[in-house]
Amino acid sequence: MAVLERQDLSGLLLAGGEGRRMGGQDKGLLPLHGEPLAAHVLRRLAPQVGRLLVSANRHQPQYLALARALDPQAQVLSDERSLCGGEAFAGPLAGMLAGLLACQTEWLLCTPCDLPALPQDLAARLWAGSQATAGGARPLAFPRDREGRLHPACCLLRRDLAPSLSDYLARGGRRVREWMHSQGAIEVAFEHPQDLRAFANLNHPADLAALQAQPALHAAPPEC
């Protein structure tokens, strides 16, 4: 099986949501152990990819500063509203499309901004899962945790899926799993003990408060 090299992969932080369940606050900038949530996620994403991208529809200078602390050439992207019927917050697929259109690599690794325990081998495991299939390699892969829950916003996808995604959004489609399964996505099992906290989204203030009470998570520094 071929190896996916870091330089052949871009990483996209999805931070373009409205944060409705957080009272309209920009979730990625909420503090966790003294730092924005997005900073924790970016530190775990950066060592896995050759270039960082951030999908954000507000507070772009703040996100750019966080990303460029890890990658001096990082970019912040807005949703392509013209491809989403002019919709301002069209969901994670709109952010993924912006990432696919901007990335210069064959593969894009996406993650929401509220996964501070993001697996530091996410890219390698999704890549291995996408290649080790009976029907041949798949262009898209996302995690399935040990309780069977799916996490499609945390995914590895090939850049040539951009036209299909653009068409789906233009037709009013917004369902992440619906589009992904139409593209032959593979669900990859993430069942290691260390994966227990990996995909615990922070959707409500109480979720963030509970995490604040737990020990801080530490990520390995990016390789030079």
Protein backbone atom coordinates (compact mmCIF):
# COMPACT_ATOMS: atom_id res chain seq x y z
CA MET A 1 0.00 0.00 0.00
CA ALA A 2 1.30 3.44 -0.93
CA VAL A 3 2.16 5.87 1.85
CA LEU A 4 0.46 9.26 2.05
CA GLU A 5 3.26 11.75 2.56
CA ARG A 6 2.68 14.80 4.71
CA GLN A 7 3.48 17.17 1.84
CA ASP A 8 0.73 15.56 -0.26
CA LEU A 9 -1.93 16.50 2.29
CA SER A 10 -3.54 19.78 3.33
CA GLY A 11 -5.42 20.18 6.61
CA LEU A 12 -8.69 22.12 6.91
CA LEU A 13 -10.08 23.35 10.23
CA LEU A 14 -13.86 23.79 9.94
CA ALA A 15 -14.76 26.88 11.97
CA GLY A 16 -17.43 28.49 9.81
CA GLY A 17 -20.55 27.65 11.80
CA GLU A 18 -23.00 29.93 13.58
CA GLY A 19 -22.52 28.37 17.02
CA ARG A 20 -26.27 28.37 17.68
CA ARG A 21 -26.10 25.88 20.53
CA MET A 22 -23.33 27.96 22.07
CA GLY A 23 -25.53 31.06 22.12
CA GLY A 24 -24.15 32.34 18.83
CA GLN A 25 -20.56 32.45 20.05
CA ASP A 26 -17.75 31.57 17.67
CA LYS A 27 -17.04 28.09 19.00
CA GLY A 28 -13.46 27.82 17.80
CA LEU A 29 -12.46 30.90 19.79
CA LEU A 30 -14.00 29.82 23.10
CA PRO A 31 -11.30 29.31 25.75
CA LEU A 32 -10.19 25.88 26.92
CA HIS A 33 -7.39 25.75 29.51
CA GLY A 34 -6.42 29.31 28.64
CA GLU A 35 -6.35 28.96 24.85
CA PRO A 36 -8.95 29.03 22.07
CA LEU A 37 -10.42 25.64 21.20
CA ALA A 38 -9.12 26.04 17.66
CA ALA A 39 -5.54 26.35 18.90
CA HIS A 40 -5.74 22.91 20.54
CA VAL A 41 -7.11 21.33 17.36
CA LEU A 42 -4.62 23.05 15.06
CA ARG A 43 -1.70 21.80 17.15
CA ARG A 44 -2.87 18.23 16.61
CA LEU A 45 -3.67 18.76 12.93
CA ALA A 46 -0.48 20.59 11.89
CA PRO A 47 2.03 17.72 12.30
CA GLN A 48 -0.09 15.54 10.01
CA VAL A 49 -0.27 17.88 7.01
CA GLY A 50 1.92 19.99 4.77
CA ARG A 51 -0.33 23.07 4.73
CA LEU A 52 -3.00 24.48 7.04
CA LEU A 53 -6.29 25.97 5.89
CA VAL A 54 -9.12 27.36 8.03
CA SER A 55 -12.75 27.72 6.98
CA ALA A 56 -14.15 30.70 8.91
CA ASN A 57 -16.95 33.14 8.16
CA ARG A 58 -16.15 35.59 10.96
CA HIS A 59 -13.16 36.60 13.12
CA GLN A 60 -10.84 35.65 10.29
CA PRO A 61 -7.81 37.63 11.58
CA GLN A 62 -7.89 35.68 14.85
CA TYR A 63 -8.02 32.34 13.05
CA LEU A 64 -5.26 33.40 10.68
CA ALA A 65 -2.99 34.27 13.61
CA LEU A 66 -3.63 30.89 15.25
CA ALA A 67 -2.91 28.99 12.05
CA ARG A 68 0.17 30.99 11.07
CA ALA A 69 1.74 30.35 14.45
CA LEU A 70 2.09 26.77 13.15
CA ASP A 71 2.29 27.32 9.38
CA PRO A 72 3.49 30.73 8.09
CA GLN A 73 1.71 30.08 4.78
CA ALA A 74 -1.64 29.14 6.29
CA GLN A 75 -4.80 30.57 4.71
CA VAL A 76 -8.26 31.43 6.01
CA LEU A 77 -11.16 30.78 3.64
CA SER A 78 -14.76 31.98 3.50
CA ASP A 79 -17.61 29.83 2.22
CA GLU A 80 -18.26 30.17 -1.50
CA ARG A 81 -21.71 31.75 -1.11
CA SER A 82 -22.26 31.93 -4.87
CA LEU A 83 -22.12 28.12 -4.93
CA CYS A 84 -24.56 27.79 -2.01
CA GLY A 85 -27.45 29.92 -3.20
CA GLY A 86 -26.07 32.96 -1.39
CA GLU A 87 -26.47 31.24 1.99
CA ALA A 88 -24.19 32.76 4.65
CA PHE A 89 -23.79 29.67 6.86
CA ALA A 90 -24.34 26.68 4.58
CA GLY A 91 -22.82 24.06 6.86
CA PRO A 92 -19.65 21.97 6.88
CA LEU A 93 -19.94 20.90 3.25
CA ALA A 94 -19.58 24.54 2.17
CA GLY A 95 -16.38 24.79 4.19
CA MET A 96 -15.09 21.55 2.70
CA LEU A 97 -15.74 22.85 -0.80
CA ALA A 98 -13.79 26.03 -0.06
CA GLY A 99 -10.95 23.84 1.17
CA LEU A 100 -11.01 21.57 -1.87
CA LEU A 101 -10.95 24.57 -4.20
CA ALA A 102 -8.05 26.20 -2.34
CA CYS A 103 -5.81 23.25 -1.56
CA GLN A 104 -2.84 22.50 -3.79
CA THR A 105 -2.51 18.88 -2.72
CA GLU A 106 -4.30 15.75 -3.89
CA TRP A 107 -5.81 15.06 -0.47
CA LEU A 108 -7.54 17.20 2.17
CA LEU A 109 -7.91 16.26 5.85
CA CYS A 110 -10.85 18.03 7.52
CA THR A 111 -11.71 18.42 11.18
CA PRO A 112 -14.23 20.48 13.15
CA CYS A 113 -12.84 23.16 15.45
CA ASP A 114 -14.24 21.52 18.61
CA LEU A 115 -12.19 18.32 18.77
CA PRO A 116 -9.31 19.17 21.13
CA ALA A 117 -8.51 15.44 21.51
CA LEU A 118 -8.22 14.92 17.76
CA PRO A 119 -6.19 11.74 17.05
CA GLN A 120 -2.63 12.63 16.12
CA ASP A 121 -2.60 9.71 13.68
CA LEU A 122 -5.96 10.61 12.12
CA ALA A 123 -4.57 11.07 8.61
CA ALA A 124 -2.60 7.83 8.63
CA ARG A 125 -5.51 5.74 9.87
CA LEU A 126 -8.07 7.24 7.50
CA TRP A 127 -5.63 6.79 4.61
CA ALA A 128 -5.01 3.15 5.52
CA GLY A 129 -8.74 2.53 5.77
CA SER A 130 -9.44 4.17 2.42
CA GLN A 131 -6.85 2.00 0.67
CA ALA A 132 -7.56 -1.39 2.29
CA THR A 133 -10.95 -2.10 0.70
CA ALA A 134 -12.03 -5.08 -1.37
CA GLY A 135 -13.47 -2.87 -4.09
CA GLY A 136 -10.35 -0.74 -4.47
CA ALA A 137 -9.21 2.54 -2.95
CA ARG A 138 -11.89 5.02 -1.92
CA PRO A 139 -11.76 8.80 -2.46
CA LEU A 140 -13.26 9.60 0.94
CA ALA A 141 -13.02 8.19 4.47
CA PHE A 142 -14.32 9.18 7.91
CA PRO A 143 -14.26 7.68 11.43
CA ARG A 144 -16.72 5.35 13.13
CA ASP A 145 -16.16 5.18 16.88
CA ARG A 146 -16.45 2.11 19.10
CA GLU A 147 -20.11 2.88 19.84
CA GLY A 148 -20.94 2.98 16.14
CA ARG A 149 -21.29 6.75 15.90
CA LEU A 150 -20.15 8.32 12.65
CA HIS A 151 -18.07 11.49 12.41
CA PRO A 152 -18.21 12.58 8.75
CA ALA A 153 -17.06 16.16 9.35
CA CYS A 154 -13.73 14.65 10.40
CA CYS A 155 -12.67 13.19 7.07
CA LEU A 156 -10.03 12.57 4.43
CA LEU A 157 -11.13 13.38 0.90
CA ARG A 158 -9.59 13.65 -2.53
CA ARG A 159 -9.41 17.04 -4.24
CA ASP A 160 -11.11 15.81 -7.43
CA LEU A 161 -14.39 15.51 -5.49
CA ALA A 162 -14.83 19.30 -5.70
CA PRO A 163 -17.07 19.31 -8.83
CA SER A 164 -19.43 16.73 -7.33
CA LEU A 165 -19.65 18.63 -4.05
CA SER A 166 -20.18 21.94 -5.83
CA ASP A 167 -23.06 20.44 -7.82
CA TYR A 168 -24.62 18.92 -4.69
CA LEU A 169 -24.55 22.27 -2.85
CA ALA A 170 -25.89 24.15 -5.87
CA ARG A 171 -28.88 21.77 -5.91
CA GLY A 172 -29.61 22.63 -2.29
CA GLY A 173 -27.98 19.58 -0.72
CA ARG A 174 -26.62 20.07 2.80
CA ARG A 175 -26.52 16.55 4.28
CA VAL A 176 -22.92 15.56 4.88
CA ARG A 177 -23.37 11.79 5.05
CA GLU A 178 -25.76 11.72 2.10
CA TRP A 179 -23.21 13.33 -0.19
CA MET A 180 -20.29 11.34 1.19
CA HIS A 181 -21.97 7.97 0.76
CA SER A 182 -22.92 8.94 -2.80
CA GLN A 183 -19.17 9.27 -3.44
CA GLY A 184 -18.31 5.83 -2.09
CA ALA A 185 -17.10 6.93 1.34
CA ILE A 186 -15.65 4.29 3.65
CA GLU A 187 -16.23 4.24 7.41
CA VAL A 188 -12.99 3.56 9.29
CA ALA A 189 -13.12 2.04 12.78
CA PHE A 190 -11.52 4.13 15.55
CA GLU A 191 -11.75 1.79 18.52
CA HIS A 192 -8.45 2.21 20.37
CA PRO A 193 -8.70 3.07 24.08
CA GLN A 194 -7.11 6.45 23.38
CA ASP A 195 -9.92 7.22 20.92
CA LEU A 196 -12.55 7.42 23.67
CA ARG A 197 -12.34 11.22 23.95
CA ALA A 198 -11.26 11.89 20.40
CA PHE A 199 -14.61 12.71 18.82
CA ALA A 200 -16.49 14.20 21.78
CA ASN A 201 -17.95 17.34 20.20
CA LEU A 202 -18.50 20.40 22.34
CA ASN A 203 -22.00 21.43 21.30
CA HIS A 204 -23.26 23.08 24.50
CA PRO A 205 -21.74 25.30 27.22
CA ALA A 206 -22.03 22.38 29.67
CA ASP A 207 -19.84 20.23 27.40
CA LEU A 208 -17.09 22.83 27.46
CA ALA A 209 -17.40 23.30 31.22
CA ALA A 210 -17.01 19.55 31.75
CA LEU A 211 -13.88 19.48 29.61
CA GLN A 212 -12.43 22.46 31.48
CA ALA A 213 -12.55 20.32 34.63
CA GLN A 214 -10.44 17.58 33.03
CA PRO A 215 -6.64 17.59 32.70
CA ALA A 216 -5.27 19.55 29.76
CA LEU A 217 -4.47 17.64 26.59
CA HIS A 218 -1.02 18.00 25.09
CA ALA A 219 -0.12 17.57 21.44
CA ALA A 220 3.27 16.72 20.02
CA PRO A 221 4.93 19.73 18.33
CA PRO A 222 4.91 19.85 14.50
CA GLU A 223 7.92 18.35 12.77
CA CYS A 224 10.21 20.77 11.01
